[in-house]
Structures are given as structure tokens and as C-alpha cells.
């Protein structure tokens, strides 16, 4: 079970990095793009936190 959690954590971490790289590489993001990126990061952080807690238990 831990192996599946680790793989999922790795996947979500990669997706998080992709969003951060996208935001940091742009100079002219629209408000909508910023909000969508923030919402995406929020969802990923929630999932990562939940998986880390599950892994501890």
C-alpha cells in the first residue's frame, strides 16, 4: 500500500511543480490563469497532505 501512496505522491508533486514552473515562467498571466493555477495548487496540496497523513497511519 505504501508503494501506491509513494507513487501517487510523486505524481502529485510533479504536477505541482509543473503548475509552479508555468506560473513562474510567465510574464503576462491573466487573472483567470492565476486563479486557475491557484485552485489547482490548492487541490494538489490537499491531496498531498491527505496522502502523507495516510502514509503515517
Protein backbone atom coordinates (compact mmCIF):
# COMPACT_ATOMS: atom_id res chain seq x y z
CA UNK A 1 0.00 0.00 0.00
CA UNK A 2 2.85 2.37 0.82
CA UNK A 3 4.25 1.85 -2.67
CA UNK A 4 1.00 3.10 -4.24
CA UNK A 5 0.96 6.09 -1.90
CA UNK A 6 4.57 6.91 -2.73
CA UNK A 7 3.90 6.72 -6.47
CA UNK A 8 0.82 8.91 -6.12
CA UNK A 9 2.73 11.43 -4.00
CA UNK A 10 5.45 11.55 -6.65
CA UNK A 11 2.84 12.11 -9.38
CA UNK A 12 1.12 14.93 -7.50
CA UNK A 13 4.48 16.53 -6.70
CA UNK A 14 5.37 16.53 -10.39
CA UNK A 15 2.02 18.11 -11.26
CA UNK A 16 2.54 20.74 -8.55
CA UNK A 17 6.00 21.54 -9.95
CA UNK A 18 4.55 21.86 -13.46
CA UNK A 19 2.00 24.43 -12.30
CA UNK A 20 4.62 26.38 -10.36
CA UNK A 21 7.00 26.34 -13.32
CA UNK A 22 4.24 27.54 -15.62
CA UNK A 23 3.29 30.43 -13.34
CA UNK A 24 6.87 31.44 -12.68
CA UNK A 25 7.84 31.37 -16.35
CA UNK A 26 5.04 33.67 -17.50
CA UNK A 27 5.18 37.47 -17.50
CA UNK A 28 1.66 38.20 -18.62
CA UNK A 29 -0.77 35.85 -16.90
CA UNK A 30 -4.41 36.77 -16.93
CA UNK A 31 -6.39 36.93 -13.72
CA UNK A 32 -8.21 33.79 -14.78
CA UNK A 33 -4.94 31.89 -15.30
CA UNK A 34 -3.68 32.95 -11.87
CA UNK A 35 -6.92 31.86 -10.19
CA UNK A 36 -6.99 28.53 -12.05
CA UNK A 37 -3.37 27.86 -11.16
CA UNK A 38 -4.02 28.71 -7.52
CA UNK A 39 -7.03 26.42 -7.41
CA UNK A 40 -5.02 23.63 -8.99
CA UNK A 41 -2.23 24.07 -6.44
CA UNK A 42 -4.75 24.12 -3.61
CA UNK A 43 -6.28 20.82 -4.74
CA UNK A 44 -2.86 19.20 -5.13
CA UNK A 45 -1.71 20.40 -1.70
CA UNK A 46 -4.86 18.97 -0.13
CA UNK A 47 -4.29 15.61 -1.82
CA UNK A 48 -0.60 15.55 -0.91
CA UNK A 49 -1.37 16.33 2.72
CA UNK A 50 -4.05 13.63 2.89
CA UNK A 51 -1.70 11.05 1.37
CA UNK A 52 1.11 11.98 3.76
CA UNK A 53 -1.25 11.52 6.71
CA UNK A 54 -2.46 8.19 5.33
CA UNK A 55 1.14 7.08 4.93
CA UNK A 56 1.90 7.87 8.58
CA UNK A 57 -1.03 5.77 9.77
